[in-house]
C-alpha atoms as a PDB file:
ATOM      1  CA  MET A   1      90.318  69.707 123.881  1.00  0.00           C
ATOM      2  CA  GLY A   2      86.630  68.846 123.327  1.00  0.00           C
ATOM      3  CA  THR A   3      83.960  69.269 125.955  1.00  0.00           C
ATOM      4  CA  GLU A   4      83.774  65.561 126.761  1.00  0.00           C
ATOM      5  CA  ALA A   5      87.525  65.539 127.336  1.00  0.00           C
ATOM      6  CA  SER A   6      87.183  68.662 129.503  1.00  0.00           C
ATOM      7  CA  VAL A   7      84.561  67.016 131.696  1.00  0.00           C
ATOM      8  CA  THR A   8      86.589  63.805 131.905  1.00  0.00           C
ATOM      9  CA  ASP A   9      89.674  65.804 132.871  1.00  0.00           C
ATOM     10  CA  PHE A  10      87.690  67.788 135.448  1.00  0.00           C
ATOM     11  CA  ILE A  11      86.304  64.650 137.103  1.00  0.00           C
ATOM     12  CA  GLU A  12      89.715  62.937 137.102  1.00  0.00           C
ATOM     13  CA  LYS A  13      91.287  65.914 138.881  1.00  0.00           C
ATOM     14  CA  ILE A  14      88.514  66.747 141.328  1.00  0.00           C
ATOM     15  CA  GLU A  15      89.014  65.993 145.006  1.00  0.00           C
ATOM     16  CA  HIS A  16      85.624  64.848 146.192  1.00  0.00           C
ATOM     17  CA  PRO A  17      84.688  62.056 148.606  1.00  0.00           C
ATOM     18  CA  LEU A  18      82.013  60.854 146.149  1.00  0.00           C
ATOM     19  CA  LYS A  19      84.106  61.047 142.985  1.00  0.00           C
ATOM     20  CA  ALA A  20      83.029  57.583 141.784  1.00  0.00           C
ATOM     21  CA  GLU A  21      79.399  58.518 142.351  1.00  0.00           C
ATOM     22  CA  ILE A  22      79.847  61.723 140.320  1.00  0.00           C
ATOM     23  CA  GLY A  23      81.266  59.637 137.470  1.00  0.00           C
ATOM     24  CA  MET A  24      78.337  57.242 137.642  1.00  0.00           C
ATOM     25  CA  VAL A  25      75.797  60.101 137.633  1.00  0.00           C
ATOM     26  CA  ARG A  26      77.555  61.581 134.595  1.00  0.00           C
ATOM     27  CA  SER A  27      77.333  58.232 132.833  1.00  0.00           C
ATOM     28  CA  ILE A  28      73.611  57.871 133.627  1.00  0.00           C
ATOM     29  CA  ILE A  29      72.849  61.365 132.349  1.00  0.00           C
ATOM     30  CA  MET A  30      74.903  61.054 129.174  1.00  0.00           C
ATOM     31  CA  SER A  31      73.465  57.639 128.301  1.00  0.00           C
ATOM     32  CA  SER A  32      69.876  58.752 128.917  1.00  0.00           C
ATOM     33  CA  HIS A  33      69.574  60.654 125.615  1.00  0.00           C
ATOM     34  CA  PRO A  34      71.909  61.021 122.612  1.00  0.00           C
ATOM     35  CA  GLU A  35      71.211  64.753 122.251  1.00  0.00           C
ATOM     36  CA  ILE A  36      72.522  65.709 125.702  1.00  0.00           C
ATOM     37  CA  ASN A  37      75.818  67.586 125.640  1.00  0.00           C
ATOM     38  CA  GLU A  38      78.174  68.198 128.538  1.00  0.00           C
ATOM     39  CA  THR A  39      80.498  71.008 129.469  1.00  0.00           C
ATOM     40  CA  ILE A  40      82.056  72.637 132.515  1.00  0.00           C
ATOM     41  CA  ARG A  41      79.894  75.533 133.663  1.00  0.00           C
ATOM     42  CA  TRP A  42      79.303  77.159 137.034  1.00  0.00           C
ATOM     43  CA  GLY A  43      82.306  75.330 138.456  1.00  0.00           C
ATOM     44  CA  GLY A  44      81.253  71.785 137.639  1.00  0.00           C
ATOM     45  CA  PRO A  45      79.888  69.388 135.026  1.00  0.00           C
ATOM     46  CA  SER A  46      76.793  70.735 133.307  1.00  0.00           C
ATOM     47  CA  PHE A  47      74.488  68.871 130.947  1.00  0.00           C
ATOM     48  CA  GLU A  48      72.398  70.602 128.332  1.00  0.00           C
ATOM     49  CA  HIS A  49      70.111  70.253 125.367  1.00  0.00           C
ATOM     50  CA  VAL A  50      69.258  73.583 123.756  1.00  0.00           C
ATOM     51  CA  GLU A  51      69.690  75.107 127.236  1.00  0.00           C
ATOM     52  CA  PRO A  52      71.226  73.944 130.535  1.00  0.00           C
ATOM     53  CA  LEU A  53      69.262  71.076 132.081  1.00  0.00           C
ATOM     54  CA  VAL A  54      71.236  69.998 135.141  1.00  0.00           C
ATOM     55  CA  SER A  55      74.577  70.725 136.765  1.00  0.00           C
ATOM     56  CA  ILE A  56      76.599  68.926 139.415  1.00  0.00           C
ATOM     57  CA  ASN A  57      77.835  71.177 142.215  1.00  0.00           C
ATOM     58  CA  PRO A  58      81.201  69.719 143.276  1.00  0.00           C
ATOM     59  CA  ARG A  59      81.575  72.236 146.130  1.00  0.00           C
ATOM     60  CA  VAL A  60      78.992  70.257 148.108  1.00  0.00           C
ATOM     61  CA  LYS A  61      81.049  67.456 149.650  1.00  0.00           C
ATOM     62  CA  ASP A  62      78.503  65.354 151.579  1.00  0.00           C
ATOM     63  CA  CYS A  63      76.563  64.294 148.479  1.00  0.00           C
ATOM     64  CA  VAL A  64      76.395  64.450 144.708  1.00  0.00           C
ATOM     65  CA  ALA A  65      74.341  67.639 144.448  1.00  0.00           C
ATOM     66  CA  LEU A  66      72.433  68.017 141.195  1.00  0.00           C
ATOM     67  CA  ILE A  67      70.789  71.317 140.312  1.00  0.00           C
ATOM     68  CA  PHE A  68      67.957  71.083 137.793  1.00  0.00           C
ATOM     69  CA  HIS A  69      67.715  74.507 136.210  1.00  0.00           C
ATOM     70  CA  SER A  70      64.144  74.550 134.835  1.00  0.00           C
ATOM     71  CA  PRO A  71      62.318  71.329 135.694  1.00  0.00           C
ATOM     72  CA  GLY A  72      58.861  72.915 135.593  1.00  0.00           C
ATOM     73  CA  SER A  73      56.021  70.564 136.489  1.00  0.00           C
ATOM     74  CA  LEU A  74      58.376  67.569 136.465  1.00  0.00           C
ATOM     75  CA  VAL A  75      59.118  68.343 140.122  1.00  0.00           C
ATOM     76  CA  GLU A  76      55.638  67.072 140.948  1.00  0.00           C
ATOM     77  CA  GLN A  77      56.093  63.939 138.836  1.00  0.00           C
ATOM     78  CA  PHE A  78      59.491  63.005 140.283  1.00  0.00           C
ATOM     79  CA  PRO A  79      59.263  63.006 144.098  1.00  0.00           C
ATOM     80  CA  MET A  80      63.025  62.488 144.399  1.00  0.00           C
ATOM     81  CA  LEU A  81      63.420  66.172 143.427  1.00  0.00           C
ATOM     82  CA  GLU A  82      63.418  68.881 146.085  1.00  0.00           C
ATOM     83  CA  PRO A  83      61.825  72.133 144.876  1.00  0.00           C
ATOM     84  CA  GLY A  84      64.142  75.125 145.160  1.00  0.00           C
ATOM     85  CA  PRO A  85      64.094  78.867 144.617  1.00  0.00           C
ATOM     86  CA  LYS A  86      63.881  80.500 141.176  1.00  0.00           C
ATOM     87  CA  GLY A  87      62.176  77.469 139.606  1.00  0.00           C
ATOM     88  CA  ARG A  88      65.070  75.125 140.280  1.00  0.00           C
ATOM     89  CA  ALA A  89      65.011  71.682 141.853  1.00  0.00           C
ATOM     90  CA  TYR A  90      67.664  69.653 143.638  1.00  0.00           C
ATOM     91  CA  LEU A  91      68.606  66.017 143.926  1.00  0.00           C
ATOM     92  CA  LYS A  92      71.089  64.862 146.547  1.00  0.00           C
ATOM     93  CA  LEU A  93      72.659  61.436 146.235  1.00  0.00           C
ATOM     94  CA  ARG A  94      74.715  60.474 149.286  1.00  0.00           C
ATOM     95  CA  SER A  95      76.136  57.086 148.278  1.00  0.00           C
ATOM     96  CA  MET A  96      76.627  54.695 145.379  1.00  0.00           C
ATOM     97  CA  GLN A  97      73.528  52.879 146.635  1.00  0.00           C
ATOM     98  CA  ASP A  98      71.543  56.128 146.275  1.00  0.00           C
ATOM     99  CA  VAL A  99      72.899  56.569 142.744  1.00  0.00           C
ATOM    100  CA  ARG A 100      71.927  53.027 141.768  1.00  0.00           C
ATOM    101  CA  GLN A 101      68.458  53.411 143.287  1.00  0.00           C
ATOM    102  CA  ALA A 102      67.918  56.698 141.413  1.00  0.00           C
ATOM    103  CA  GLU A 103      69.350  55.485 138.084  1.00  0.00           C
ATOM    104  CA  SER A 104      66.088  54.589 136.343  1.00  0.00           C
ATOM    105  CA  GLN A 105      64.239  57.693 137.552  1.00  0.00           C
ATOM    106  CA  LEU A 106      67.171  59.985 136.727  1.00  0.00           C
ATOM    107  CA  SER A 107      67.403  58.563 133.212  1.00  0.00           C
ATOM    108  CA  ASN A 108      63.646  58.953 132.733  1.00  0.00           C
ATOM    109  CA  LEU A 109      63.757  62.502 134.094  1.00  0.00           C
ATOM    110  CA  MET A 110      66.549  63.460 131.679  1.00  0.00           C
ATOM    111  CA  GLN A 111      64.602  62.009 128.744  1.00  0.00           C
ATOM    112  CA  ARG A 112      61.556  64.032 129.782  1.00  0.00           C
ATOM    113  CA  LEU A 113      63.602  67.225 130.132  1.00  0.00           C
ATOM    114  CA  VAL A 114      65.001  66.791 126.623  1.00  0.00           C
ATOM    115  CA  SER A 115      61.561  66.104 125.143  1.00  0.00           C
ATOM    116  CA  CYS A 116      60.120  69.190 126.911  1.00  0.00           C
ATOM    117  CA  GLY A 117      62.899  71.350 125.446  1.00  0.00           C
ATOM    118  CA  LYS A 118      62.272  70.416 121.795  1.00  0.00           C
END
């Protein structure tokens, strides 16, 4: 089974109140840049290019919790991100409306993360 199939299988089987939103976030991330790969890591979908970029934490049930592993100065350029410990940043999307409102910025952020990692 390939990684895409593994992530698809994971999302299909997950019990999460925002399952549709998780699927939409996955779609936004994967369509933002052709060089982004996905896998299951740290207990949820993880997206990478050269190194891990962002993961979805499915254990958080009140939102789609995204963990940006090394966003660097992009935290200052994308106010939707919450700075976290150890150089990480977080994005919490609580509804499909939140996902749709964040779509353009999330796609832009992912493109910037890939270009920073080259």
